[in-house]
């Protein structure tokens, strides 16, 4: 997996899913996870999740707010858990009760945002 592949995925826009769109098959989820290193499937291949570490609460909150802005632009929203020095991000497509390409696009965009965060612990 090259950095340019991740950048290409992050450059894509989300397409709205219709309720009759089927969620990704688990085998497809496994394939797509190759494009977003560090992300893991959870909840029976219906969600992907990743945790990020930050220097303090303010840095974690700043990341959450920035990610929230991107999510609003795309109309695709993560489930977030955060506190002092950490943010856990979970993507799923609620409308189809599973994963779609949009979740992987947003995972790549989340990683891109995290790479730019100066207060992130690597």
Protein backbone atom coordinates (compact mmCIF):
# COMPACT_ATOMS: atom_id res chain seq x y z
CA UNK A 1 0.00 0.00 0.00
CA UNK A 2 1.55 3.25 -1.08
CA UNK A 3 1.05 6.72 0.32
CA UNK A 4 -0.26 7.85 -3.05
CA UNK A 5 -2.99 5.18 -2.91
CA UNK A 6 -4.10 6.50 0.49
CA UNK A 7 -4.01 10.06 -0.88
CA UNK A 8 -6.09 9.02 -3.89
CA UNK A 9 -8.67 7.42 -1.63
CA UNK A 10 -8.73 10.48 0.64
CA UNK A 11 -9.26 12.76 -2.39
CA UNK A 12 -12.51 11.00 -3.30
CA UNK A 13 -15.91 12.33 -2.28
CA UNK A 14 -18.65 10.33 -0.58
CA UNK A 15 -21.62 9.23 -2.65
CA UNK A 16 -24.94 9.12 -0.80
CA UNK A 17 -26.13 5.55 -0.17
CA UNK A 18 -29.69 4.52 -0.73
CA UNK A 19 -31.46 2.29 1.75
CA UNK A 20 -31.48 -0.58 -0.74
CA UNK A 21 -27.68 -0.49 -1.16
CA UNK A 22 -26.26 -3.66 0.38
CA UNK A 23 -23.40 -3.36 2.87
CA UNK A 24 -19.98 -4.62 1.84
CA UNK A 25 -19.35 -8.34 2.02
CA UNK A 26 -16.79 -9.28 4.73
CA UNK A 27 -14.28 -10.40 2.08
CA UNK A 28 -14.51 -6.96 0.45
CA UNK A 29 -14.00 -5.30 3.83
CA UNK A 30 -10.79 -7.31 4.29
CA UNK A 31 -9.59 -6.12 0.86
CA UNK A 32 -10.45 -2.48 1.53
CA UNK A 33 -8.68 -2.55 4.91
CA UNK A 34 -5.42 -2.91 2.97
CA UNK A 35 -5.92 0.69 1.78
CA UNK A 36 -6.25 2.12 5.29
CA UNK A 37 -3.46 0.70 7.49
CA UNK A 38 -4.20 0.50 11.19
CA UNK A 39 -7.97 0.39 10.79
CA UNK A 40 -9.72 -2.73 12.05
CA UNK A 41 -13.10 -4.24 11.36
CA UNK A 42 -15.49 -4.63 14.25
CA UNK A 43 -19.10 -5.57 14.91
CA UNK A 44 -19.10 -8.44 12.44
CA UNK A 45 -17.56 -6.49 9.54
CA UNK A 46 -20.19 -3.74 9.86
CA UNK A 47 -17.81 -1.07 11.20
CA UNK A 48 -14.17 -0.03 11.06
CA UNK A 49 -12.36 1.61 13.95
CA UNK A 50 -9.04 3.21 14.86
CA UNK A 51 -7.64 5.03 17.87
CA UNK A 52 -5.40 8.10 17.92
CA UNK A 53 -3.29 9.48 20.80
CA UNK A 54 -2.76 13.19 21.52
CA UNK A 55 -0.76 15.25 23.99
CA UNK A 56 -3.77 16.41 26.00
CA UNK A 57 -7.52 16.97 26.08
CA UNK A 58 -7.40 20.19 24.05
CA UNK A 59 -5.53 18.47 21.21
CA UNK A 60 -8.00 15.58 21.17
CA UNK A 61 -10.93 18.01 21.13
CA UNK A 62 -9.34 20.01 18.32
CA UNK A 63 -9.01 16.84 16.24
CA UNK A 64 -12.64 15.88 16.95
CA UNK A 65 -13.82 19.34 15.89
CA UNK A 66 -11.77 19.27 12.68
CA UNK A 67 -13.03 15.78 11.83
CA UNK A 68 -16.57 16.90 12.58
CA UNK A 69 -16.19 19.68 10.01
CA UNK A 70 -15.07 17.23 7.33
CA UNK A 71 -17.91 14.86 8.24
CA UNK A 72 -20.45 17.67 7.89
CA UNK A 73 -19.05 18.61 4.46
CA UNK A 74 -19.44 15.02 3.29
CA UNK A 75 -22.73 14.30 5.04
CA UNK A 76 -21.13 11.16 6.49
CA UNK A 77 -20.59 11.07 10.24
CA UNK A 78 -18.43 8.90 12.51
CA UNK A 79 -19.07 7.62 15.97
CA UNK A 80 -16.49 9.26 18.23
CA UNK A 81 -15.23 8.59 21.73
CA UNK A 82 -12.63 10.94 23.15
CA UNK A 83 -11.11 12.16 26.34
CA UNK A 84 -7.80 13.30 27.74
CA UNK A 85 -5.23 12.42 25.07
CA UNK A 86 -7.24 10.03 22.93
CA UNK A 87 -9.80 9.85 20.14
CA UNK A 88 -11.41 6.61 18.95
CA UNK A 89 -13.09 6.88 15.55
CA UNK A 90 -15.60 4.38 14.17
CA UNK A 91 -17.01 4.55 10.67
CA UNK A 92 -20.12 2.79 9.39
CA UNK A 93 -22.90 3.67 7.00
CA UNK A 94 -25.89 3.86 9.29
CA UNK A 95 -28.44 3.88 6.45
CA UNK A 96 -27.36 0.41 5.24
CA UNK A 97 -26.31 -0.92 8.67
CA UNK A 98 -22.85 -1.81 7.42
CA UNK A 99 -19.84 -0.62 5.50
CA UNK A 100 -19.66 1.16 2.16
CA UNK A 101 -16.81 2.69 0.18
CA UNK A 102 -17.66 5.99 1.90
CA UNK A 103 -16.40 4.61 5.20
CA UNK A 104 -13.01 3.84 3.71
CA UNK A 105 -12.83 7.23 2.01
CA UNK A 106 -13.51 8.86 5.36
CA UNK A 107 -11.03 6.59 7.15
CA UNK A 108 -8.34 7.76 4.70
CA UNK A 109 -9.37 11.38 5.27
CA UNK A 110 -9.26 10.82 9.03
CA UNK A 111 -5.70 9.49 8.74
CA UNK A 112 -4.73 12.47 6.58
CA UNK A 113 -6.11 14.86 9.19
CA UNK A 114 -4.29 13.00 11.98
CA UNK A 115 -0.98 13.22 10.11
CA UNK A 116 -1.29 17.01 10.07
CA UNK A 117 -2.09 17.29 13.79
CA UNK A 118 1.05 18.65 15.52
CA UNK A 119 -0.10 17.44 18.95
CA UNK A 120 -0.57 13.84 17.88
CA UNK A 121 1.56 11.15 19.48
CA UNK A 122 2.97 8.81 16.87
